[in-house]
Full PDB file with SEQRES, HELIX, SHEET, SSBOND, CRYST1, ORIGX, SCALE, CONECT and MASTER records, all heavy atoms in Angstrom:
SEQRES   1 A   39  PRO ILE GLN HIS ILE SER ALA TYR ILE LEU LYS ILE GLU          
SEQRES   2 A   39  ASN ASN THR PRO PHE ASP CYS ASN GLU VAL LYS ASN MET          
SEQRES   3 A   39  MET PRO ASP GLU ASP THR THR ALA ASP LEU TYR ILE TYR          
HELIX    1 AA1 ASN A   21  LYS A   24  1                                   4    
HELIX    2 AA2 GLU A   30  ILE A   38  1                                   9    
CRYST1    1.000    1.000    1.000  90.00  90.00  90.00 P 1           1          
ORIGX1      1.000000  0.000000  0.000000        0.00000                         
ORIGX2      0.000000  1.000000  0.000000        0.00000                         
ORIGX3      0.000000  0.000000  1.000000        0.00000                         
SCALE1      1.000000  0.000000  0.000000        0.00000                         
SCALE2      0.000000  1.000000  0.000000        0.00000                         
SCALE3      0.000000  0.000000  1.000000        0.00000                         
ATOM      1  N   PRO A   1     -25.999  -6.365  29.600  1.00  0.00           N  
ATOM      2  CA  PRO A   1     -26.397  -7.773  29.434  1.00  0.00           C  
ATOM      3  C   PRO A   1     -26.202  -8.265  28.001  1.00  0.00           C  
ATOM      4  O   PRO A   1     -27.163  -8.563  27.277  1.00  0.00           O  
ATOM      5  CB  PRO A   1     -27.873  -7.758  29.840  1.00  0.00           C  
ATOM      6  CG  PRO A   1     -28.341  -6.387  29.491  1.00  0.00           C  
ATOM      7  CD  PRO A   1     -27.170  -5.484  29.772  1.00  0.00           C  
ATOM      8  N   ILE A   2     -24.936  -8.337  27.565  1.00  0.00           N  
ATOM      9  CA  ILE A   2     -24.633  -8.800  26.218  1.00  0.00           C  
ATOM     10  C   ILE A   2     -23.774 -10.060  26.304  1.00  0.00           C  
ATOM     11  O   ILE A   2     -23.127 -10.315  27.327  1.00  0.00           O  
ATOM     12  CB  ILE A   2     -23.938  -7.731  25.355  1.00  0.00           C  
ATOM     13  CG1 ILE A   2     -22.515  -7.443  25.873  1.00  0.00           C  
ATOM     14  CG2 ILE A   2     -24.769  -6.458  25.316  1.00  0.00           C  
ATOM     15  CD1 ILE A   2     -21.702  -6.560  24.962  1.00  0.00           C  
ATOM     16  N   GLN A   3     -23.765 -10.830  25.210  1.00  0.00           N  
ATOM     17  CA  GLN A   3     -23.063 -12.110  25.201  1.00  0.00           C  
ATOM     18  C   GLN A   3     -21.995 -12.206  24.102  1.00  0.00           C  
ATOM     19  O   GLN A   3     -21.266 -13.189  24.030  1.00  0.00           O  
ATOM     20  CB  GLN A   3     -24.073 -13.262  25.001  1.00  0.00           C  
ATOM     21  CG  GLN A   3     -25.053 -13.454  26.142  1.00  0.00           C  
ATOM     22  CD  GLN A   3     -26.118 -12.365  26.213  1.00  0.00           C  
ATOM     23  OE1 GLN A   3     -26.591 -11.865  25.201  1.00  0.00           O  
ATOM     24  NE2 GLN A   3     -26.496 -11.993  27.432  1.00  0.00           N  
ATOM     25  N   HIS A   4     -21.906 -11.200  23.243  1.00  0.00           N  
ATOM     26  CA  HIS A   4     -21.030 -11.299  22.078  1.00  0.00           C  
ATOM     27  C   HIS A   4     -20.555  -9.905  21.680  1.00  0.00           C  
ATOM     28  O   HIS A   4     -21.304  -8.933  21.779  1.00  0.00           O  
ATOM     29  CB  HIS A   4     -21.821 -11.930  20.916  1.00  0.00           C  
ATOM     30  CG  HIS A   4     -21.023 -12.254  19.685  1.00  0.00           C  
ATOM     31  ND1 HIS A   4     -20.622 -11.296  18.771  1.00  0.00           N  
ATOM     32  CD2 HIS A   4     -20.579 -13.432  19.200  1.00  0.00           C  
ATOM     33  CE1 HIS A   4     -19.962 -11.887  17.788  1.00  0.00           C  
ATOM     34  NE2 HIS A   4     -19.915 -13.180  18.020  1.00  0.00           N  
ATOM     35  N   ILE A   5     -19.302  -9.818  21.244  1.00  0.00           N  
ATOM     36  CA  ILE A   5     -18.764  -8.552  20.730  1.00  0.00           C  
ATOM     37  C   ILE A   5     -18.009  -8.831  19.434  1.00  0.00           C  
ATOM     38  O   ILE A   5     -17.151  -9.719  19.380  1.00  0.00           O  
ATOM     39  CB  ILE A   5     -17.817  -7.876  21.752  1.00  0.00           C  
ATOM     40  CG1 ILE A   5     -18.624  -7.348  22.952  1.00  0.00           C  
ATOM     41  CG2 ILE A   5     -17.037  -6.731  21.099  1.00  0.00           C  
ATOM     42  CD1 ILE A   5     -17.789  -6.741  24.064  1.00  0.00           C  
ATOM     43  N   SER A   6     -18.376  -8.097  18.378  1.00  0.00           N  
ATOM     44  CA  SER A   6     -17.618  -8.113  17.128  1.00  0.00           C  
ATOM     45  C   SER A   6     -16.764  -6.859  17.110  1.00  0.00           C  
ATOM     46  O   SER A   6     -17.296  -5.751  17.145  1.00  0.00           O  
ATOM     47  CB  SER A   6     -18.558  -8.130  15.914  1.00  0.00           C  
ATOM     48  OG  SER A   6     -19.286  -9.342  15.863  1.00  0.00           O  
ATOM     49  N   ALA A   7     -15.454  -7.034  17.088  1.00  0.00           N  
ATOM     50  CA  ALA A   7     -14.538  -5.901  17.219  1.00  0.00           C  
ATOM     51  C   ALA A   7     -13.691  -5.760  15.967  1.00  0.00           C  
ATOM     52  O   ALA A   7     -12.961  -6.682  15.601  1.00  0.00           O  
ATOM     53  CB  ALA A   7     -13.631  -6.103  18.439  1.00  0.00           C  
ATOM     54  N   TYR A   8     -13.815  -4.625  15.309  1.00  0.00           N  
ATOM     55  CA  TYR A   8     -13.158  -4.411  14.027  1.00  0.00           C  
ATOM     56  C   TYR A   8     -12.159  -3.265  14.095  1.00  0.00           C  
ATOM     57  O   TYR A   8     -12.430  -2.226  14.692  1.00  0.00           O  
ATOM     58  CB  TYR A   8     -14.196  -4.085  12.952  1.00  0.00           C  
ATOM     59  CG  TYR A   8     -15.279  -5.125  12.825  1.00  0.00           C  
ATOM     60  CD1 TYR A   8     -16.545  -4.914  13.378  1.00  0.00           C  
ATOM     61  CD2 TYR A   8     -15.043  -6.330  12.174  1.00  0.00           C  
ATOM     62  CE1 TYR A   8     -17.543  -5.867  13.277  1.00  0.00           C  
ATOM     63  CE2 TYR A   8     -16.036  -7.292  12.053  1.00  0.00           C  
ATOM     64  CZ  TYR A   8     -17.274  -7.055  12.615  1.00  0.00           C  
ATOM     65  OH  TYR A   8     -18.258  -8.017  12.511  1.00  0.00           O  
ATOM     66  N   ILE A   9     -11.007  -3.472  13.453  1.00  0.00           N  
ATOM     67  CA  ILE A   9     -10.051  -2.386  13.265  1.00  0.00           C  
ATOM     68  C   ILE A   9     -10.573  -1.501  12.127  1.00  0.00           C  
ATOM     69  O   ILE A   9     -10.944  -2.006  11.064  1.00  0.00           O  
ATOM     70  CB  ILE A   9      -8.662  -2.943  12.907  1.00  0.00           C  
ATOM     71  CG1 ILE A   9      -8.095  -3.716  14.104  1.00  0.00           C  
ATOM     72  CG2 ILE A   9      -7.716  -1.827  12.493  1.00  0.00           C  
ATOM     73  CD1 ILE A   9      -6.808  -4.475  13.802  1.00  0.00           C  
ATOM     74  N   LEU A  10     -10.640  -0.198  12.359  1.00  0.00           N  
ATOM     75  CA  LEU A  10     -11.103   0.717  11.313  1.00  0.00           C  
ATOM     76  C   LEU A  10     -10.153   0.662  10.123  1.00  0.00           C  
ATOM     77  O   LEU A  10      -8.948   0.850  10.266  1.00  0.00           O  
ATOM     78  CB  LEU A  10     -11.179   2.148  11.856  1.00  0.00           C  
ATOM     79  CG  LEU A  10     -11.537   3.232  10.824  1.00  0.00           C  
ATOM     80  CD1 LEU A  10     -12.920   2.992  10.214  1.00  0.00           C  
ATOM     81  CD2 LEU A  10     -11.463   4.619  11.445  1.00  0.00           C  
ATOM     82  N   LYS A  11     -10.710   0.386   8.961  1.00  0.00           N  
ATOM     83  CA  LYS A  11      -9.928   0.380   7.725  1.00  0.00           C  
ATOM     84  C   LYS A  11     -10.541   1.362   6.746  1.00  0.00           C  
ATOM     85  O   LYS A  11     -11.770   1.502   6.688  1.00  0.00           O  
ATOM     86  CB  LYS A  11      -9.899  -1.026   7.117  1.00  0.00           C  
ATOM     87  CG  LYS A  11      -9.118  -2.020   7.969  1.00  0.00           C  
ATOM     88  CD  LYS A  11      -9.082  -3.396   7.337  1.00  0.00           C  
ATOM     89  CE  LYS A  11      -8.283  -4.359   8.211  1.00  0.00           C  
ATOM     90  NZ  LYS A  11      -8.298  -5.743   7.664  1.00  0.00           N  
ATOM     91  N   ILE A  12      -9.698   2.049   6.020  1.00  0.00           N  
ATOM     92  CA  ILE A  12     -10.184   3.002   5.028  1.00  0.00           C  
ATOM     93  C   ILE A  12     -10.512   2.239   3.747  1.00  0.00           C  
ATOM     94  O   ILE A  12      -9.631   1.674   3.097  1.00  0.00           O  
ATOM     95  CB  ILE A  12      -9.126   4.083   4.730  1.00  0.00           C  
ATOM     96  CG1 ILE A  12      -8.696   4.782   6.034  1.00  0.00           C  
ATOM     97  CG2 ILE A  12      -9.674   5.091   3.715  1.00  0.00           C  
ATOM     98  CD1 ILE A  12      -9.799   5.460   6.788  1.00  0.00           C  
ATOM     99  N   GLU A  13     -11.800   2.187   3.403  1.00  0.00           N  
ATOM    100  CA  GLU A  13     -12.244   1.473   2.210  1.00  0.00           C  
ATOM    101  C   GLU A  13     -12.270   2.433   1.026  1.00  0.00           C  
ATOM    102  O   GLU A  13     -12.617   3.616   1.169  1.00  0.00           O  
ATOM    103  CB  GLU A  13     -13.639   0.877   2.428  1.00  0.00           C  
ATOM    104  CG  GLU A  13     -13.737  -0.062   3.634  1.00  0.00           C  
ATOM    105  CD  GLU A  13     -12.974  -1.357   3.465  1.00  0.00           C  
ATOM    106  OE1 GLU A  13     -12.499  -1.626   2.339  1.00  0.00           O  
ATOM    107  OE2 GLU A  13     -12.846  -2.108   4.448  1.00  0.00           O  
ATOM    108  N   ASN A  14     -11.933   1.907  -0.144  1.00  0.00           N  
ATOM    109  CA  ASN A  14     -11.918   2.727  -1.356  1.00  0.00           C  
ATOM    110  C   ASN A  14     -13.283   3.343  -1.637  1.00  0.00           C  
ATOM    111  O   ASN A  14     -14.327   2.719  -1.433  1.00  0.00           O  
ATOM    112  CB  ASN A  14     -11.499   1.889  -2.562  1.00  0.00           C  
ATOM    113  CG  ASN A  14     -10.043   1.462  -2.476  1.00  0.00           C  
ATOM    114  OD1 ASN A  14      -9.243   2.114  -1.807  1.00  0.00           O  
ATOM    115  ND2 ASN A  14      -9.693   0.381  -3.146  1.00  0.00           N  
ATOM    116  N   ASN A  15     -13.261   4.580  -2.097  1.00  0.00           N  
ATOM    117  CA  ASN A  15     -14.466   5.288  -2.551  1.00  0.00           C  
ATOM    118  C   ASN A  15     -15.485   5.545  -1.452  1.00  0.00           C  
ATOM    119  O   ASN A  15     -16.676   5.695  -1.727  1.00  0.00           O  
ATOM    120  CB  ASN A  15     -15.132   4.529  -3.714  1.00  0.00           C  
ATOM    121  CG  ASN A  15     -14.188   4.356  -4.892  1.00  0.00           C  
ATOM    122  OD1 ASN A  15     -13.499   5.300  -5.288  1.00  0.00           O  
ATOM    123  ND2 ASN A  15     -14.136   3.148  -5.446  1.00  0.00           N  
ATOM    124  N   THR A  16     -15.017   5.575  -0.205  1.00  0.00           N  
ATOM    125  CA  THR A  16     -15.877   6.021   0.894  1.00  0.00           C  
ATOM    126  C   THR A  16     -15.446   7.443   1.264  1.00  0.00           C  
ATOM    127  O   THR A  16     -14.347   7.884   0.906  1.00  0.00           O  
ATOM    128  CB  THR A  16     -15.728   5.113   2.125  1.00  0.00           C  
ATOM    129  OG1 THR A  16     -14.370   5.182   2.595  1.00  0.00           O  
ATOM    130  CG2 THR A  16     -16.081   3.667   1.784  1.00  0.00           C  
ATOM    131  N   PRO A  17     -16.275   8.199   1.989  1.00  0.00           N  
ATOM    132  CA  PRO A  17     -15.868   9.547   2.401  1.00  0.00           C  
ATOM    133  C   PRO A  17     -14.564   9.572   3.197  1.00  0.00           C  
ATOM    134  O   PRO A  17     -13.854  10.584   3.198  1.00  0.00           O  
ATOM    135  CB  PRO A  17     -17.053  10.014   3.249  1.00  0.00           C  
ATOM    136  CG  PRO A  17     -18.227   9.291   2.673  1.00  0.00           C  
ATOM    137  CD  PRO A  17     -17.692   7.930   2.306  1.00  0.00           C  
ATOM    138  N   PHE A  18     -14.237   8.478   3.886  1.00  0.00           N  
ATOM    139  CA  PHE A  18     -12.987   8.415   4.646  1.00  0.00           C  
ATOM    140  C   PHE A  18     -11.769   8.211   3.749  1.00  0.00           C  
ATOM    141  O   PHE A  18     -10.635   8.308   4.215  1.00  0.00           O  
ATOM    142  CB  PHE A  18     -13.051   7.292   5.686  1.00  0.00           C  
ATOM    143  CG  PHE A  18     -13.669   7.706   7.000  1.00  0.00           C  
ATOM    144  CD1 PHE A  18     -14.301   8.933   7.136  1.00  0.00           C  
ATOM    145  CD2 PHE A  18     -13.608   6.871   8.112  1.00  0.00           C  
ATOM    146  CE1 PHE A  18     -14.878   9.318   8.343  1.00  0.00           C  
ATOM    147  CE2 PHE A  18     -14.172   7.242   9.327  1.00  0.00           C  
ATOM    148  CZ  PHE A  18     -14.808   8.471   9.436  1.00  0.00           C  
ATOM    149  N   ASP A  19     -12.004   7.898   2.488  1.00  0.00           N  
ATOM    150  CA  ASP A  19     -10.913   7.645   1.552  1.00  0.00           C  
ATOM    151  C   ASP A  19     -10.345   8.980   1.060  1.00  0.00           C  
ATOM    152  O   ASP A  19     -10.488   9.366  -0.100  1.00  0.00           O  
ATOM    153  CB  ASP A  19     -11.415   6.794   0.381  1.00  0.00           C  
ATOM    154  CG  ASP A  19     -10.299   6.388  -0.576  1.00  0.00           C  
ATOM    155  OD1 ASP A  19      -9.118   6.517  -0.192  1.00  0.00           O  
ATOM    156  OD2 ASP A  19     -10.616   5.957  -1.698  1.00  0.00           O  
ATOM    157  N   CYS A  20      -9.700   9.686   1.989  1.00  0.00           N  
ATOM    158  CA  CYS A  20      -9.121  10.995   1.670  1.00  0.00           C  
ATOM    159  C   CYS A  20      -7.903  11.211   2.559  1.00  0.00           C  
ATOM    160  O   CYS A  20      -7.776  10.598   3.618  1.00  0.00           O  
ATOM    161  CB  CYS A  20     -10.154  12.108   1.884  1.00  0.00           C  
ATOM    162  SG  CYS A  20     -10.686  12.287   3.594  1.00  0.00           S  
ATOM    163  N   ASN A  21      -7.023  12.072   2.132  1.00  0.00           N  
ATOM    164  CA  ASN A  21      -5.772  12.287   2.875  1.00  0.00           C  
ATOM    165  C   ASN A  21      -6.010  12.825   4.275  1.00  0.00           C  
ATOM    166  O   ASN A  21      -5.268  12.506   5.210  1.00  0.00           O  
ATOM    167  CB  ASN A  21      -4.857  13.239   2.101  1.00  0.00           C  
ATOM    168  CG  ASN A  21      -4.274  12.585   0.854  1.00  0.00           C  
ATOM    169  OD1 ASN A  21      -4.136  11.365   0.799  1.00  0.00           O  
ATOM    170  ND2 ASN A  21      -3.954  13.392  -0.145  1.00  0.00           N  
ATOM    171  N   GLU A  22      -7.035  13.662   4.418  1.00  0.00           N  
ATOM    172  CA  GLU A  22      -7.308  14.248   5.733  1.00  0.00           C  
ATOM    173  C   GLU A  22      -7.520  13.159   6.785  1.00  0.00           C  
ATOM    174  O   GLU A  22      -6.970  13.235   7.889  1.00  0.00           O  
ATOM    175  CB  GLU A  22      -8.546  15.148   5.659  1.00  0.00           C  
ATOM    176  CG  GLU A  22      -8.878  15.821   6.986  1.00  0.00           C  
ATOM    177  CD  GLU A  22     -10.146  16.654   6.923  1.00  0.00           C  
ATOM    178  OE1 GLU A  22     -10.759  16.739   5.831  1.00  0.00           O  
ATOM    179  OE2 GLU A  22     -10.517  17.211   7.970  1.00  0.00           O  
ATOM    180  N   VAL A  23      -8.323  12.150   6.443  1.00  0.00           N  
ATOM    181  CA  VAL A  23      -8.588  11.065   7.394  1.00  0.00           C  
ATOM    182  C   VAL A  23      -7.400  10.111   7.465  1.00  0.00           C  
ATOM    183  O   VAL A  23      -6.984   9.689   8.554  1.00  0.00           O  
ATOM    184  CB  VAL A  23      -9.872  10.297   7.010  1.00  0.00           C  
ATOM    185  CG1 VAL A  23     -10.080   9.102   7.936  1.00  0.00           C  
ATOM    186  CG2 VAL A  23     -11.080  11.228   7.069  1.00  0.00           C  
ATOM    187  N   LYS A  24      -6.837   9.768   6.309  1.00  0.00           N  
ATOM    188  CA  LYS A  24      -5.693   8.834   6.294  1.00  0.00           C  
ATOM    189  C   LYS A  24      -4.544   9.338   7.157  1.00  0.00           C  
ATOM    190  O   LYS A  24      -3.877   8.558   7.842  1.00  0.00           O  
ATOM    191  CB  LYS A  24      -5.218   8.616   4.855  1.00  0.00           C  
ATOM    192  CG  LYS A  24      -6.177   7.802   4.002  1.00  0.00           C  
ATOM    193  CD  LYS A  24      -5.672   7.680   2.571  1.00  0.00           C  
ATOM    194  CE  LYS A  24      -6.636   6.885   1.701  1.00  0.00           C  
ATOM    195  NZ  LYS A  24      -6.190   6.827   0.286  1.00  0.00           N  
ATOM    196  N   ASN A  25      -4.320  10.636   7.142  1.00  0.00           N  
ATOM    197  CA  ASN A  25      -3.222  11.216   7.928  1.00  0.00           C  
ATOM    198  C   ASN A  25      -3.499  11.203   9.433  1.00  0.00           C  
ATOM    199  O   ASN A  25      -2.583  11.392  10.243  1.00  0.00           O  
ATOM    200  CB  ASN A  25      -2.936  12.646   7.474  1.00  0.00           C  
ATOM    201  CG  ASN A  25      -2.348  12.702   6.067  1.00  0.00           C  
ATOM    202  OD1 ASN A  25      -1.757  11.728   5.601  1.00  0.00           O  
ATOM    203  ND2 ASN A  25      -2.518  13.837   5.391  1.00  0.00           N  
ATOM    204  N   MET A  26      -4.754  10.994   9.801  1.00  0.00           N  
ATOM    205  CA  MET A  26      -5.132  10.938  11.210  1.00  0.00           C  
ATOM    206  C   MET A  26      -5.049   9.527  11.788  1.00  0.00           C  
ATOM    207  O   MET A  26      -5.096   9.340  13.003  1.00  0.00           O  
ATOM    208  CB  MET A  26      -6.571  11.453  11.387  1.00  0.00           C  
ATOM    209  CG  MET A  26      -6.796  12.897  11.007  1.00  0.00           C  
ATOM    210  SD  MET A  26      -8.563  13.294  10.931  1.00  0.00           S  
ATOM    211  CE  MET A  26      -9.078  13.032  12.614  1.00  0.00           C  
ATOM    212  N   MET A  27      -4.943   8.522  10.915  1.00  0.00           N  
ATOM    213  CA  MET A  27      -5.012   7.139  11.368  1.00  0.00           C  
ATOM    214  C   MET A  27      -3.784   6.747  12.190  1.00  0.00           C  
ATOM    215  O   MET A  27      -2.672   7.184  11.903  1.00  0.00           O  
ATOM    216  CB  MET A  27      -5.142   6.201  10.166  1.00  0.00           C  
ATOM    217  CG  MET A  27      -6.421   6.400   9.359  1.00  0.00           C  
ATOM    218  SD  MET A  27      -7.894   5.981  10.311  1.00  0.00           S  
ATOM    219  CE  MET A  27      -7.728   4.198  10.359  1.00  0.00           C  
ATOM    220  N   PRO A  28      -3.976   5.918  13.219  1.00  0.00           N  
ATOM    221  CA  PRO A  28      -2.836   5.485  14.032  1.00  0.00           C  
ATOM    222  C   PRO A  28      -1.891   4.605  13.220  1.00  0.00           C  
ATOM    223  O   PRO A  28      -2.303   3.957  12.255  1.00  0.00           O  
ATOM    224  CB  PRO A  28      -3.488   4.691  15.166  1.00  0.00           C  
ATOM    225  CG  PRO A  28      -4.819   4.271  14.633  1.00  0.00           C  
ATOM    226  CD  PRO A  28      -5.254   5.354  13.706  1.00  0.00           C  
ATOM    227  N   ASP A  29      -0.608   4.556  13.630  1.00  0.00           N  
ATOM    228  CA  ASP A  29       0.350   3.716  12.909  1.00  0.00           C  
ATOM    229  C   ASP A  29       0.160   2.246  13.305  1.00  0.00           C  
ATOM    230  O   ASP A  29      -0.651   1.910  14.187  1.00  0.00           O  
ATOM    231  CB  ASP A  29       1.776   4.177  13.166  1.00  0.00           C  
ATOM    232  CG  ASP A  29       2.174   4.138  14.635  1.00  0.00           C  
ATOM    233  OD1 ASP A  29       1.617   3.317  15.401  1.00  0.00           O  
ATOM    234  OD2 ASP A  29       3.040   4.929  15.037  1.00  0.00           O  
ATOM    235  N   GLU A  30       0.899   1.350  12.660  1.00  0.00           N  
ATOM    236  CA  GLU A  30       0.733  -0.089  12.867  1.00  0.00           C  
ATOM    237  C   GLU A  30       1.023  -0.501  14.307  1.00  0.00           C  
ATOM    238  O   GLU A  30       0.319  -1.359  14.868  1.00  0.00           O  
ATOM    239  CB  GLU A  30       1.630  -0.869  11.907  1.00  0.00           C  
ATOM    240  CG  GLU A  30       1.174  -0.821  10.457  1.00  0.00           C  
ATOM    241  CD  GLU A  30       2.013  -1.707   9.552  1.00  0.00           C  
ATOM    242  OE1 GLU A  30       2.920  -2.395  10.070  1.00  0.00           O  
ATOM    243  OE2 GLU A  30       1.756  -1.699   8.341  1.00  0.00           O  
ATOM    244  N   ASP A  31       2.045   0.089  14.914  1.00  0.00           N  
ATOM    245  CA  ASP A  31       2.399  -0.275  16.294  1.00  0.00           C  
ATOM    246  C   ASP A  31       1.286   0.110  17.271  1.00  0.00           C  
ATOM    247  O   ASP A  31       0.942  -0.662  18.176  1.00  0.00           O  
ATOM    248  CB  ASP A  31       3.711   0.391  16.712  1.00  0.00           C  
ATOM    249  CG  ASP A  31       4.913  -0.237  16.025  1.00  0.00           C  
ATOM    250  OD1 ASP A  31       4.788  -1.360  15.505  1.00  0.00           O  
ATOM    251  OD2 ASP A  31       5.977   0.418  15.996  1.00  0.00           O  
ATOM    252  N   THR A  32       0.736   1.298  17.088  1.00  0.00           N  
ATOM    253  CA  THR A  32      -0.364   1.743  17.954  1.00  0.00           C  
ATOM    254  C   THR A  32      -1.588   0.853  17.768  1.00  0.00           C  
ATOM    255  O   THR A  32      -2.245   0.467  18.741  1.00  0.00           O  
ATOM    256  CB  THR A  32      -0.733   3.208  17.650  1.00  0.00           C  
ATOM    257  OG1 THR A  32       0.413   4.034  17.830  1.00  0.00           O  
ATOM    258  CG2 THR A  32      -1.859   3.691  18.561  1.00  0.00           C  
ATOM    259  N   THR A  33      -1.889   0.543  16.512  1.00  0.00           N  
ATOM    260  CA  THR A  33      -3.022  -0.341  16.217  1.00  0.00           C  
ATOM    261  C   THR A  33      -2.824  -1.700  16.872  1.00  0.00           C  
ATOM    262  O   THR A  33      -3.757  -2.253  17.476  1.00  0.00           O  
ATOM    263  CB  THR A  33      -3.181  -0.506  14.695  1.00  0.00           C  
ATOM    264  OG1 THR A  33      -3.460   0.772  14.108  1.00  0.00           O  
ATOM    265  CG2 THR A  33      -4.309  -1.470  14.360  1.00  0.00           C  
ATOM    266  N   ALA A  34      -1.621  -2.259  16.761  1.00  0.00           N  
ATOM    267  CA  ALA A  34      -1.322  -3.557  17.370  1.00  0.00           C  
ATOM    268  C   ALA A  34      -1.488  -3.509  18.882  1.00  0.00           C  
ATOM    269  O   ALA A  34      -2.070  -4.415  19.493  1.00  0.00           O  
ATOM    270  CB  ALA A  34       0.097  -3.992  17.008  1.00  0.00           C  
ATOM    271  N   ASP A  35      -1.002  -2.440  19.499  1.00  0.00           N  
ATOM    272  CA  ASP A  35      -1.115  -2.298  20.960  1.00  0.00           C  
ATOM    273  C   ASP A  35      -2.580  -2.246  21.386  1.00  0.00           C  
ATOM    274  O   ASP A  35      -2.968  -2.875  22.385  1.00  0.00           O  
ATOM    275  CB  ASP A  35      -0.387  -1.040  21.424  1.00  0.00           C  
ATOM    276  CG  ASP A  35       1.128  -1.152  21.318  1.00  0.00           C  
ATOM    277  OD1 ASP A  35       1.625  -2.286  21.182  1.00  0.00           O  
ATOM    278  OD2 ASP A  35       1.801  -0.099  21.356  1.00  0.00           O  
ATOM    279  N   LEU A  36      -3.389  -1.487  20.654  1.00  0.00           N  
ATOM    280  CA  LEU A  36      -4.810  -1.377  20.993  1.00  0.00           C  
ATOM    281  C   LEU A  36      -5.519  -2.724  20.817  1.00  0.00           C  
ATOM    282  O   LEU A  36      -6.356  -3.110  21.635  1.00  0.00           O  
ATOM    283  CB  LEU A  36      -5.478  -0.314  20.118  1.00  0.00           C  
ATOM    284  CG  LEU A  36      -5.137   1.142  20.441  1.00  0.00           C  
ATOM    285  CD1 LEU A  36      -5.673   2.073  19.349  1.00  0.00           C  
ATOM    286  CD2 LEU A  36      -5.705   1.557  21.801  1.00  0.00           C  
ATOM    287  N   TYR A  37      -5.181  -3.440  19.758  1.00  0.00           N  
ATOM    288  CA  TYR A  37      -5.810  -4.742  19.495  1.00  0.00           C  
ATOM    289  C   TYR A  37      -5.490  -5.730  20.613  1.00  0.00           C  
ATOM    290  O   TYR A  37      -6.386  -6.388  21.153  1.00  0.00           O  
ATOM    291  CB  TYR A  37      -5.325  -5.279  18.151  1.00  0.00           C  
ATOM    292  CG  TYR A  37      -5.909  -6.619  17.762  1.00  0.00           C  
ATOM    293  CD1 TYR A  37      -7.111  -6.721  17.065  1.00  0.00           C  
ATOM    294  CD2 TYR A  37      -5.240  -7.808  18.083  1.00  0.00           C  
ATOM    295  CE1 TYR A  37      -7.640  -7.950  16.702  1.00  0.00           C  
ATOM    296  CE2 TYR A  37      -5.763  -9.042  17.726  1.00  0.00           C  
ATOM    297  CZ  TYR A  37      -6.953  -9.104  17.036  1.00  0.00           C  
ATOM    298  OH  TYR A  37      -7.464 -10.328  16.680  1.00  0.00           O  
ATOM    299  N   ILE A  38      -4.226  -5.826  20.978  1.00  0.00           N  
ATOM    300  CA  ILE A  38      -3.822  -6.765  22.026  1.00  0.00           C  
ATOM    301  C   ILE A  38      -4.433  -6.364  23.373  1.00  0.00           C  
ATOM    302  O   ILE A  38      -4.902  -7.213  24.144  1.00  0.00           O  
ATOM    303  CB  ILE A  38      -2.289  -6.842  22.110  1.00  0.00           C  
ATOM    304  CG1 ILE A  38      -1.743  -7.522  20.837  1.00  0.00           C  
ATOM    305  CG2 ILE A  38      -1.843  -7.597  23.356  1.00  0.00           C  
ATOM    306  CD1 ILE A  38      -0.242  -7.421  20.682  1.00  0.00           C  
ATOM    307  N   TYR A  39      -4.454  -5.064  23.641  1.00  0.00           N  
ATOM    308  CA  TYR A  39      -5.070  -4.560  24.879  1.00  0.00           C  
ATOM    309  C   TYR A  39      -6.554  -4.924  24.923  1.00  0.00           C  
ATOM    310  O   TYR A  39      -7.064  -5.380  25.953  1.00  0.00           O  
ATOM    311  CB  TYR A  39      -4.878  -3.047  24.939  1.00  0.00           C  
ATOM    312  CG  TYR A  39      -5.384  -2.376  26.197  1.00  0.00           C  
ATOM    313  CD1 TYR A  39      -4.968  -2.791  27.456  1.00  0.00           C  
ATOM    314  CD2 TYR A  39      -6.268  -1.296  26.113  1.00  0.00           C  
ATOM    315  CE1 TYR A  39      -5.414  -2.161  28.606  1.00  0.00           C  
ATOM    316  CE2 TYR A  39      -6.719  -0.658  27.260  1.00  0.00           C  
ATOM    317  CZ  TYR A  39      -6.297  -1.090  28.499  1.00  0.00           C  
ATOM    318  OH  TYR A  39      -6.747  -0.480  29.638  1.00  0.00           O  
TER     319      TYR A  39                                                      
MASTER        0    0    0    2    0    0    0    6  318    1    0    3          
END                                                                             
């Protein structure tokens, strides 16, 4: 029973724990991200 959804693409922000090569190398490419967003 919800009325609103805020949907965000995960972005790697500077100086966060995700700001490392291990996570960056796991991130989907632009085409995959675009497909998921449109879907």
